[in-house]
């Protein structure tokens, strides 16, 4: 235990601290955005066709856009955090957004925080802290080409193929029949796609950081390939997160969704990092 604590202190460089601060601020913005967006959906549904039955009146609701902008700010902070700190260190800190979301849902949306909700929040936080304390030391990356080489190793390509296959099965086989009644379908897609986007987000963050320090990484086609992957993943996640918000109106509470989403994405991230560190 003492050895783990010592390695943790040794690994806390100034860059890691910057990453931690950005990740924590990201959690505050993202955690609150879920509540603001749902508040906007409810307000829009009171005066137009509810999003849960296919309406788009929420697009004219300023409160929904405030929530969306808040989420974008949080995602930008999260993106910047990956440039400074290891992915296995940044992503578990998203557990803080679960607490924020659950507390605000209890206060603002009058969603009762049951004992299982409290237990779920506690387990997410304990699990995240455990992962952070035992996170492996990240190797030094000096070029976006190194990240590309890691991403094209057979083990990771096999994992990516499995993830993409699972996503398409969920999209075309399960969504038509179970999308409106089983929220795990949408959450599964977002989590699976999110586990793939982490590698590309990390690569872009490193590329920008090195470019600003004088080592231009924008000349490499791999940088733009990673950028394209991020755009595709983000658009996919935004689409299905919005569908989650619609289903939330009818069937589920915000706090439970955030907990499930975080656990699934963190589990898949751990496998991704294992494949690229091992």
C-alpha atoms as a PDB file:
ATOM      1  CA  UNK A   1       0.000   0.000   0.000  1.00  0.00           C
ATOM      2  CA  UNK A   2       2.840   2.360   0.884  1.00  0.00           C
ATOM      3  CA  UNK A   3       4.480   1.526  -2.419  1.00  0.00           C
ATOM      4  CA  UNK A   4       1.282   2.337  -4.322  1.00  0.00           C
ATOM      5  CA  UNK A   5       0.962   5.669  -2.496  1.00  0.00           C
ATOM      6  CA  UNK A   6       4.562   6.514  -3.298  1.00  0.00           C
ATOM      7  CA  UNK A   7       4.113   5.692  -7.000  1.00  0.00           C
ATOM      8  CA  UNK A   8       0.944   7.803  -7.017  1.00  0.00           C
ATOM      9  CA  UNK A   9       2.823  10.819  -5.644  1.00  0.00           C
ATOM     10  CA  UNK A  10       5.673  10.289  -8.067  1.00  0.00           C
ATOM     11  CA  UNK A  11       3.256  10.160 -10.996  1.00  0.00           C
ATOM     12  CA  UNK A  12       1.504  13.433 -10.075  1.00  0.00           C
ATOM     13  CA  UNK A  13       3.358  15.791 -12.408  1.00  0.00           C
ATOM     14  CA  UNK A  14       2.225  19.339 -13.127  1.00  0.00           C
ATOM     15  CA  UNK A  15       0.562  18.070 -16.310  1.00  0.00           C
ATOM     16  CA  UNK A  16      -1.366  15.466 -14.329  1.00  0.00           C
ATOM     17  CA  UNK A  17      -2.570  18.147 -11.921  1.00  0.00           C
ATOM     18  CA  UNK A  18      -3.775  20.288 -14.840  1.00  0.00           C
ATOM     19  CA  UNK A  19      -5.572  17.252 -16.209  1.00  0.00           C
ATOM     20  CA  UNK A  20      -7.209  16.564 -12.861  1.00  0.00           C
ATOM     21  CA  UNK A  21      -8.462  20.151 -12.525  1.00  0.00           C
ATOM     22  CA  UNK A  22      -9.884  20.085 -16.055  1.00  0.00           C
ATOM     23  CA  UNK A  23     -11.512  16.683 -15.466  1.00  0.00           C
ATOM     24  CA  UNK A  24     -13.106  17.846 -12.208  1.00  0.00           C
ATOM     25  CA  UNK A  25     -14.477  21.035 -13.800  1.00  0.00           C
ATOM     26  CA  UNK A  26     -15.777  18.902 -16.671  1.00  0.00           C
ATOM     27  CA  UNK A  27     -17.691  16.734 -14.202  1.00  0.00           C
ATOM     28  CA  UNK A  28     -19.424  19.787 -12.712  1.00  0.00           C
ATOM     29  CA  UNK A  29     -20.552  21.036 -16.123  1.00  0.00           C
ATOM     30  CA  UNK A  30     -21.618  17.644 -17.493  1.00  0.00           C
ATOM     31  CA  UNK A  31     -23.378  16.587 -14.282  1.00  0.00           C
ATOM     32  CA  UNK A  32     -25.488  19.731 -14.217  1.00  0.00           C
ATOM     33  CA  UNK A  33     -26.174  19.683 -17.972  1.00  0.00           C
ATOM     34  CA  UNK A  34     -28.222  16.460 -17.690  1.00  0.00           C
ATOM     35  CA  UNK A  35     -30.577  18.150 -15.256  1.00  0.00           C
ATOM     36  CA  UNK A  36     -30.873  21.418 -17.186  1.00  0.00           C
ATOM     37  CA  UNK A  37     -31.595  19.560 -20.420  1.00  0.00           C
ATOM     38  CA  UNK A  38     -34.264  17.406 -18.803  1.00  0.00           C
ATOM     39  CA  UNK A  39     -35.827  20.503 -17.248  1.00  0.00           C
ATOM     40  CA  UNK A  40     -35.904  22.024 -20.733  1.00  0.00           C
ATOM     41  CA  UNK A  41     -37.470  18.868 -22.176  1.00  0.00           C
ATOM     42  CA  UNK A  42     -40.227  18.939 -19.576  1.00  0.00           C
ATOM     43  CA  UNK A  43     -40.897  22.630 -20.184  1.00  0.00           C
ATOM     44  CA  UNK A  44     -40.992  22.121 -23.956  1.00  0.00           C
ATOM     45  CA  UNK A  45     -43.268  19.087 -23.586  1.00  0.00           C
ATOM     46  CA  UNK A  46     -45.794  21.149 -21.637  1.00  0.00           C
ATOM     47  CA  UNK A  47     -46.327  23.485 -24.580  1.00  0.00           C
ATOM     48  CA  UNK A  48     -45.743  21.201 -27.587  1.00  0.00           C
ATOM     49  CA  UNK A  49     -45.281  17.616 -28.707  1.00  0.00           C
ATOM     50  CA  UNK A  50     -43.256  15.701 -26.147  1.00  0.00           C
ATOM     51  CA  UNK A  51     -39.818  14.517 -27.215  1.00  0.00           C
ATOM     52  CA  UNK A  52     -40.662  11.106 -25.815  1.00  0.00           C
ATOM     53  CA  UNK A  53     -43.196  10.592 -28.627  1.00  0.00           C
ATOM     54  CA  UNK A  54     -41.040  12.047 -31.387  1.00  0.00           C
ATOM     55  CA  UNK A  55     -41.576  15.783 -30.978  1.00  0.00           C
ATOM     56  CA  UNK A  56     -38.850  18.388 -31.521  1.00  0.00           C
ATOM     57  CA  UNK A  57     -40.328  21.366 -29.690  1.00  0.00           C
ATOM     58  CA  UNK A  58     -37.380  21.232 -27.277  1.00  0.00           C
ATOM     59  CA  UNK A  59     -35.216  22.744 -30.041  1.00  0.00           C
ATOM     60  CA  UNK A  60     -37.119  26.016 -29.467  1.00  0.00           C
ATOM     61  CA  UNK A  61     -36.668  25.877 -25.698  1.00  0.00           C
ATOM     62  CA  UNK A  62     -33.797  28.174 -24.433  1.00  0.00           C
ATOM     63  CA  UNK A  63     -33.369  26.092 -21.267  1.00  0.00           C
ATOM     64  CA  UNK A  64     -32.592  22.987 -23.321  1.00  0.00           C
ATOM     65  CA  UNK A  65     -29.930  24.921 -25.226  1.00  0.00           C
ATOM     66  CA  UNK A  66     -28.425  26.143 -21.948  1.00  0.00           C
ATOM     67  CA  UNK A  67     -28.073  22.510 -20.932  1.00  0.00           C
ATOM     68  CA  UNK A  68     -26.561  21.611 -24.298  1.00  0.00           C
ATOM     69  CA  UNK A  69     -24.030  24.473 -24.115  1.00  0.00           C
ATOM     70  CA  UNK A  70     -23.155  23.449 -20.559  1.00  0.00           C
ATOM     71  CA  UNK A  71     -22.509  19.900 -21.764  1.00  0.00           C
ATOM     72  CA  UNK A  72     -20.333  21.179 -24.637  1.00  0.00           C
ATOM     73  CA  UNK A  73     -18.255  23.267 -22.216  1.00  0.00           C
ATOM     74  CA  UNK A  74     -17.830  20.205 -20.006  1.00  0.00           C
ATOM     75  CA  UNK A  75     -16.805  18.039 -22.952  1.00  0.00           C
ATOM     76  CA  UNK A  76     -14.250  20.642 -24.071  1.00  0.00           C
ATOM     77  CA  UNK A  77     -12.737  20.640 -20.576  1.00  0.00           C
ATOM     78  CA  UNK A  78     -12.755  16.838 -20.649  1.00  0.00           C
ATOM     79  CA  UNK A  79     -11.071  16.863 -24.060  1.00  0.00           C
ATOM     80  CA  UNK A  80      -8.362  19.199 -22.779  1.00  0.00           C
ATOM     81  CA  UNK A  81      -7.809  16.979 -19.728  1.00  0.00           C
ATOM     82  CA  UNK A  82      -6.795  14.069 -21.963  1.00  0.00           C
ATOM     83  CA  UNK A  83      -3.941  16.179 -23.351  1.00  0.00           C
ATOM     84  CA  UNK A  84      -2.368  16.483 -19.901  1.00  0.00           C
ATOM     85  CA  UNK A  85      -3.263  13.328 -17.960  1.00  0.00           C
ATOM     86  CA  UNK A  86      -3.612   9.602 -18.750  1.00  0.00           C
ATOM     87  CA  UNK A  87      -7.036   8.444 -19.967  1.00  0.00           C
ATOM     88  CA  UNK A  88      -7.274   5.906 -17.137  1.00  0.00           C
ATOM     89  CA  UNK A  89      -6.839   8.829 -14.717  1.00  0.00           C
ATOM     90  CA  UNK A  90      -9.241  11.279 -16.382  1.00  0.00           C
ATOM     91  CA  UNK A  91     -12.251   9.094 -17.156  1.00  0.00           C
ATOM     92  CA  UNK A  92     -12.856   7.672 -13.638  1.00  0.00           C
ATOM     93  CA  UNK A  93     -13.205  11.237 -12.336  1.00  0.00           C
ATOM     94  CA  UNK A  94     -16.466  11.359 -14.254  1.00  0.00           C
ATOM     95  CA  UNK A  95     -17.903   9.654 -11.169  1.00  0.00           C
ATOM     96  CA  UNK A  96     -18.167  13.129  -9.648  1.00  0.00           C
ATOM     97  CA  UNK A  97     -20.727  14.058 -12.292  1.00  0.00           C
ATOM     98  CA  UNK A  98     -22.890  11.181 -11.026  1.00  0.00           C
ATOM     99  CA  UNK A  99     -23.034  12.743  -7.563  1.00  0.00           C
ATOM    100  CA  UNK A 100     -23.800  16.186  -8.988  1.00  0.00           C
ATOM    101  CA  UNK A 101     -26.486  14.804 -11.287  1.00  0.00           C
ATOM    102  CA  UNK A 102     -28.110  12.741  -8.525  1.00  0.00           C
ATOM    103  CA  UNK A 103     -28.161  15.620  -6.011  1.00  0.00           C
ATOM    104  CA  UNK A 104     -29.520  18.135  -8.538  1.00  0.00           C
ATOM    105  CA  UNK A 105     -32.155  15.639  -9.737  1.00  0.00           C
ATOM    106  CA  UNK A 106     -33.283  15.261  -6.118  1.00  0.00           C
ATOM    107  CA  UNK A 107     -33.414  19.031  -5.521  1.00  0.00           C
ATOM    108  CA  UNK A 108     -34.555  20.428  -8.881  1.00  0.00           C
ATOM    109  CA  UNK A 109     -36.509  17.585 -10.508  1.00  0.00           C
ATOM    110  CA  UNK A 110     -37.934  16.178  -7.252  1.00  0.00           C
ATOM    111  CA  UNK A 111     -36.604  12.712  -8.108  1.00  0.00           C
ATOM    112  CA  UNK A 112     -36.320  10.815  -4.850  1.00  0.00           C
ATOM    113  CA  UNK A 113     -32.814   9.498  -4.198  1.00  0.00           C
ATOM    114  CA  UNK A 114     -33.471   5.944  -3.003  1.00  0.00           C
ATOM    115  CA  UNK A 115     -31.070   3.876  -0.930  1.00  0.00           C
ATOM    116  CA  UNK A 116     -30.015   1.959  -4.055  1.00  0.00           C
ATOM    117  CA  UNK A 117     -29.279   5.247  -5.809  1.00  0.00           C
ATOM    118  CA  UNK A 118     -27.066   6.330  -2.918  1.00  0.00           C
ATOM    119  CA  UNK A 119     -25.370   2.912  -2.930  1.00  0.00           C
ATOM    120  CA  UNK A 120     -24.839   3.154  -6.701  1.00  0.00           C
ATOM    121  CA  UNK A 121     -23.212   6.581  -6.371  1.00  0.00           C
ATOM    122  CA  UNK A 122     -20.969   5.341  -3.576  1.00  0.00           C
ATOM    123  CA  UNK A 123     -19.873   2.267  -5.550  1.00  0.00           C
ATOM    124  CA  UNK A 124     -19.084   4.393  -8.615  1.00  0.00           C
ATOM    125  CA  UNK A 125     -16.924   6.738  -6.544  1.00  0.00           C
ATOM    126  CA  UNK A 126     -15.143   3.929  -4.659  1.00  0.00           C
ATOM    127  CA  UNK A 127     -14.486   2.038  -7.891  1.00  0.00           C
ATOM    128  CA  UNK A 128     -13.184   5.139  -9.639  1.00  0.00           C
ATOM    129  CA  UNK A 129     -10.876   6.013  -6.751  1.00  0.00           C
ATOM    130  CA  UNK A 130      -9.542   2.444  -6.748  1.00  0.00           C
ATOM    131  CA  UNK A 131      -8.790   2.612 -10.471  1.00  0.00           C
ATOM    132  CA  UNK A 132      -7.099   6.012 -10.135  1.00  0.00           C
ATOM    133  CA  UNK A 133      -4.914   4.897  -7.211  1.00  0.00           C
ATOM    134  CA  UNK A 134      -3.789   1.769  -9.069  1.00  0.00           C
ATOM    135  CA  UNK A 135      -3.561   3.279 -12.545  1.00  0.00           C
ATOM    136  CA  UNK A 136      -0.492   2.111 -14.476  1.00  0.00           C
ATOM    137  CA  UNK A 137       2.163   4.664 -15.357  1.00  0.00           C
ATOM    138  CA  UNK A 138       1.516   6.061 -18.832  1.00  0.00           C
ATOM    139  CA  UNK A 139       4.309   5.809 -21.344  1.00  0.00           C
ATOM    140  CA  UNK A 140       5.775   9.014 -22.755  1.00  0.00           C
ATOM    141  CA  UNK A 141       4.340   9.808 -26.197  1.00  0.00           C
ATOM    142  CA  UNK A 142       6.492  11.953 -28.475  1.00  0.00           C
ATOM    143  CA  UNK A 143       4.473  11.759 -31.700  1.00  0.00           C
ATOM    144  CA  UNK A 144       0.934  11.075 -32.856  1.00  0.00           C
ATOM    145  CA  UNK A 145       2.467   8.281 -34.949  1.00  0.00           C
ATOM    146  CA  UNK A 146       3.147   6.364 -31.723  1.00  0.00           C
ATOM    147  CA  UNK A 147      -0.545   6.509 -30.812  1.00  0.00           C
ATOM    148  CA  UNK A 148      -1.442   5.358 -34.321  1.00  0.00           C
ATOM    149  CA  UNK A 149       0.919   2.393 -34.008  1.00  0.00           C
ATOM    150  CA  UNK A 150      -0.749   1.427 -30.730  1.00  0.00           C
ATOM    151  CA  UNK A 151      -4.214   1.813 -32.259  1.00  0.00           C
ATOM    152  CA  UNK A 152      -3.329  -0.458 -35.166  1.00  0.00           C
ATOM    153  CA  UNK A 153      -1.978  -3.322 -33.088  1.00  0.00           C
ATOM    154  CA  UNK A 154      -3.890  -6.605 -33.718  1.00  0.00           C
ATOM    155  CA  UNK A 155      -5.305  -6.800 -30.172  1.00  0.00           C
ATOM    156  CA  UNK A 156      -6.838  -3.328 -30.313  1.00  0.00           C
ATOM    157  CA  UNK A 157      -8.107  -3.799 -33.879  1.00  0.00           C
ATOM    158  CA  UNK A 158      -9.822  -7.013 -32.759  1.00  0.00           C
ATOM    159  CA  UNK A 159     -11.406  -5.156 -29.817  1.00  0.00           C
ATOM    160  CA  UNK A 160     -12.509  -2.294 -32.103  1.00  0.00           C
ATOM    161  CA  UNK A 161     -14.075  -4.775 -34.526  1.00  0.00           C
ATOM    162  CA  UNK A 162     -16.022  -6.399 -31.691  1.00  0.00           C
ATOM    163  CA  UNK A 163     -17.238  -3.010 -30.460  1.00  0.00           C
ATOM    164  CA  UNK A 164     -18.333  -1.835 -33.918  1.00  0.00           C
ATOM    165  CA  UNK A 165     -20.131  -5.140 -34.530  1.00  0.00           C
ATOM    166  CA  UNK A 166     -21.934  -4.844 -31.180  1.00  0.00           C
ATOM    167  CA  UNK A 167     -22.949  -1.236 -31.958  1.00  0.00           C
ATOM    168  CA  UNK A 168     -24.449  -2.176 -35.330  1.00  0.00           C
ATOM    169  CA  UNK A 169     -26.313  -5.108 -33.777  1.00  0.00           C
ATOM    170  CA  UNK A 170     -27.793  -2.793 -31.140  1.00  0.00           C
ATOM    171  CA  UNK A 171     -28.683  -0.165 -33.765  1.00  0.00           C
ATOM    172  CA  UNK A 172     -30.410  -2.396 -36.293  1.00  0.00           C
ATOM    173  CA  UNK A 173     -31.524  -5.416 -34.267  1.00  0.00           C
ATOM    174  CA  UNK A 174     -32.523  -4.081 -30.844  1.00  0.00           C
ATOM    175  CA  UNK A 175     -33.466  -0.406 -31.205  1.00  0.00           C
ATOM    176  CA  UNK A 176     -36.549  -1.011 -33.411  1.00  0.00           C
ATOM    177  CA  UNK A 177     -38.023  -3.453 -30.873  1.00  0.00           C
ATOM    178  CA  UNK A 178     -36.637  -2.350 -27.499  1.00  0.00           C
ATOM    179  CA  UNK A 179     -35.389   1.239 -27.864  1.00  0.00           C
ATOM    180  CA  UNK A 180     -38.376   2.877 -26.193  1.00  0.00           C
ATOM    181  CA  UNK A 181     -38.620   0.409 -23.299  1.00  0.00           C
ATOM    182  CA  UNK A 182     -35.061  -0.755 -22.556  1.00  0.00           C
ATOM    183  CA  UNK A 183     -32.772   2.208 -21.989  1.00  0.00           C
ATOM    184  CA  UNK A 184     -29.726  -0.067 -21.820  1.00  0.00           C
ATOM    185  CA  UNK A 185     -29.829  -0.258 -25.630  1.00  0.00           C
ATOM    186  CA  UNK A 186     -29.067   3.450 -26.031  1.00  0.00           C
ATOM    187  CA  UNK A 187     -26.679   3.534 -23.087  1.00  0.00           C
ATOM    188  CA  UNK A 188     -24.834   0.528 -24.502  1.00  0.00           C
ATOM    189  CA  UNK A 189     -24.291   2.264 -27.838  1.00  0.00           C
ATOM    190  CA  UNK A 190     -23.028   5.455 -26.186  1.00  0.00           C
ATOM    191  CA  UNK A 191     -20.688   3.555 -23.888  1.00  0.00           C
ATOM    192  CA  UNK A 192     -19.265   1.333 -26.627  1.00  0.00           C
ATOM    193  CA  UNK A 193     -18.674   4.246 -28.983  1.00  0.00           C
ATOM    194  CA  UNK A 194     -17.214   6.269 -26.119  1.00  0.00           C
ATOM    195  CA  UNK A 195     -14.644   3.576 -25.376  1.00  0.00           C
ATOM    196  CA  UNK A 196     -13.356   3.878 -28.950  1.00  0.00           C
ATOM    197  CA  UNK A 197     -13.337   7.674 -28.989  1.00  0.00           C
ATOM    198  CA  UNK A 198     -11.024   7.868 -25.951  1.00  0.00           C
ATOM    199  CA  UNK A 199      -8.027   6.714 -27.996  1.00  0.00           C
ATOM    200  CA  UNK A 200      -8.667   9.331 -30.698  1.00  0.00           C
ATOM    201  CA  UNK A 201      -9.369  12.125 -28.214  1.00  0.00           C
ATOM    202  CA  UNK A 202      -6.116  11.320 -26.436  1.00  0.00           C
ATOM    203  CA  UNK A 203      -4.260  11.337 -29.779  1.00  0.00           C
ATOM    204  CA  UNK A 204      -5.683  14.723 -30.781  1.00  0.00           C
ATOM    205  CA  UNK A 205      -4.899  16.185 -27.363  1.00  0.00           C
ATOM    206  CA  UNK A 206      -1.289  14.992 -27.624  1.00  0.00           C
ATOM    207  CA  UNK A 207      -1.047  16.299 -31.206  1.00  0.00           C
ATOM    208  CA  UNK A 208      -2.250  19.774 -30.193  1.00  0.00           C
ATOM    209  CA  UNK A 209      -0.009  19.851 -27.141  1.00  0.00           C
ATOM    210  CA  UNK A 210       3.087  18.873 -29.168  1.00  0.00           C
ATOM    211  CA  UNK A 211       2.170  21.265 -31.975  1.00  0.00           C
ATOM    212  CA  UNK A 212       1.915  24.187 -29.558  1.00  0.00           C
ATOM    213  CA  UNK A 213       5.305  23.240 -28.115  1.00  0.00           C
ATOM    214  CA  UNK A 214       6.915  23.493 -31.561  1.00  0.00           C
ATOM    215  CA  UNK A 215       6.607  19.900 -32.860  1.00  0.00           C
ATOM    216  CA  UNK A 216       4.009  20.193 -35.619  1.00  0.00           C
ATOM    217  CA  UNK A 217       1.764  17.116 -35.656  1.00  0.00           C
ATOM    218  CA  UNK A 218      -0.817  18.547 -38.069  1.00  0.00           C
ATOM    219  CA  UNK A 219       1.294  17.466 -41.038  1.00  0.00           C
ATOM    220  CA  UNK A 220       0.588  13.801 -40.319  1.00  0.00           C
ATOM    221  CA  UNK A 221      -2.511  12.248 -41.942  1.00  0.00           C
ATOM    222  CA  UNK A 222      -2.950  10.147 -38.778  1.00  0.00           C
ATOM    223  CA  UNK A 223      -3.864  13.306 -36.854  1.00  0.00           C
ATOM    224  CA  UNK A 224      -6.720  14.011 -39.238  1.00  0.00           C
ATOM    225  CA  UNK A 225      -7.792  10.351 -39.219  1.00  0.00           C
ATOM    226  CA  UNK A 226      -8.118  10.541 -35.437  1.00  0.00           C
ATOM    227  CA  UNK A 227     -10.061  13.803 -35.833  1.00  0.00           C
ATOM    228  CA  UNK A 228     -12.522  12.149 -38.208  1.00  0.00           C
ATOM    229  CA  UNK A 229     -13.014   9.253 -35.797  1.00  0.00           C
ATOM    230  CA  UNK A 230     -13.727  11.685 -32.943  1.00  0.00           C
ATOM    231  CA  UNK A 231     -16.280  13.597 -35.027  1.00  0.00           C
ATOM    232  CA  UNK A 232     -18.100  10.377 -35.973  1.00  0.00           C
ATOM    233  CA  UNK A 233     -18.069   9.106 -32.370  1.00  0.00           C
ATOM    234  CA  UNK A 234     -19.227  12.428 -30.912  1.00  0.00           C
ATOM    235  CA  UNK A 235     -22.099  12.796 -33.385  1.00  0.00           C
ATOM    236  CA  UNK A 236     -23.186   9.216 -32.675  1.00  0.00           C
ATOM    237  CA  UNK A 237     -23.067   9.740 -28.918  1.00  0.00           C
ATOM    238  CA  UNK A 238     -24.902  13.084 -29.137  1.00  0.00           C
ATOM    239  CA  UNK A 239     -27.651  11.464 -31.211  1.00  0.00           C
ATOM    240  CA  UNK A 240     -28.228   8.579 -28.819  1.00  0.00           C
ATOM    241  CA  UNK A 241     -27.775  10.664 -25.668  1.00  0.00           C
ATOM    242  CA  UNK A 242     -30.577  12.838 -26.988  1.00  0.00           C
ATOM    243  CA  UNK A 243     -32.692   9.723 -27.517  1.00  0.00           C
ATOM    244  CA  UNK A 244     -31.913   8.755 -23.906  1.00  0.00           C
ATOM    245  CA  UNK A 245     -33.221  12.158 -22.810  1.00  0.00           C
ATOM    246  CA  UNK A 246     -36.448  11.505 -24.695  1.00  0.00           C
ATOM    247  CA  UNK A 247     -36.955   8.091 -23.109  1.00  0.00           C
ATOM    248  CA  UNK A 248     -36.150   9.626 -19.711  1.00  0.00           C
ATOM    249  CA  UNK A 249     -39.308  11.695 -19.996  1.00  0.00           C
ATOM    250  CA  UNK A 250     -41.406   8.551 -19.982  1.00  0.00           C
ATOM    251  CA  UNK A 251     -39.688   5.775 -18.096  1.00  0.00           C
ATOM    252  CA  UNK A 252     -36.552   6.562 -16.145  1.00  0.00           C
ATOM    253  CA  UNK A 253     -34.866   8.898 -13.685  1.00  0.00           C
ATOM    254  CA  UNK A 254     -31.737  10.872 -14.590  1.00  0.00           C
ATOM    255  CA  UNK A 255     -29.558   9.660 -11.736  1.00  0.00           C
ATOM    256  CA  UNK A 256     -29.765   5.953 -12.619  1.00  0.00           C
ATOM    257  CA  UNK A 257     -28.941   6.549 -16.274  1.00  0.00           C
ATOM    258  CA  UNK A 258     -25.814   8.516 -15.444  1.00  0.00           C
ATOM    259  CA  UNK A 259     -24.575   5.778 -13.105  1.00  0.00           C
ATOM    260  CA  UNK A 260     -25.076   2.990 -15.660  1.00  0.00           C
ATOM    261  CA  UNK A 261     -23.479   5.018 -18.465  1.00  0.00           C
ATOM    262  CA  UNK A 262     -20.429   5.831 -16.364  1.00  0.00           C
ATOM    263  CA  UNK A 263     -19.897   2.231 -15.208  1.00  0.00           C
ATOM    264  CA  UNK A 264     -20.156   0.781 -18.721  1.00  0.00           C
ATOM    265  CA  UNK A 265     -17.858   3.352 -20.307  1.00  0.00           C
ATOM    266  CA  UNK A 266     -15.306   3.018 -17.503  1.00  0.00           C
ATOM    267  CA  UNK A 267     -15.297  -0.773 -17.824  1.00  0.00           C
ATOM    268  CA  UNK A 268     -14.704  -0.577 -21.559  1.00  0.00           C
ATOM    269  CA  UNK A 269     -12.049   2.122 -21.112  1.00  0.00           C
ATOM    270  CA  UNK A 270     -10.150  -0.153 -18.731  1.00  0.00           C
ATOM    271  CA  UNK A 271     -10.073  -2.856 -21.399  1.00  0.00           C
ATOM    272  CA  UNK A 272      -8.952  -0.317 -24.018  1.00  0.00           C
ATOM    273  CA  UNK A 273      -6.092   0.931 -21.843  1.00  0.00           C
ATOM    274  CA  UNK A 274      -5.052  -2.621 -21.002  1.00  0.00           C
ATOM    275  CA  UNK A 275      -4.773  -3.456 -24.692  1.00  0.00           C
ATOM    276  CA  UNK A 276      -2.634  -0.424 -25.409  1.00  0.00           C
ATOM    277  CA  UNK A 277      -0.411  -0.624 -22.339  1.00  0.00           C
ATOM    278  CA  UNK A 278       0.047  -4.348 -22.636  1.00  0.00           C
END
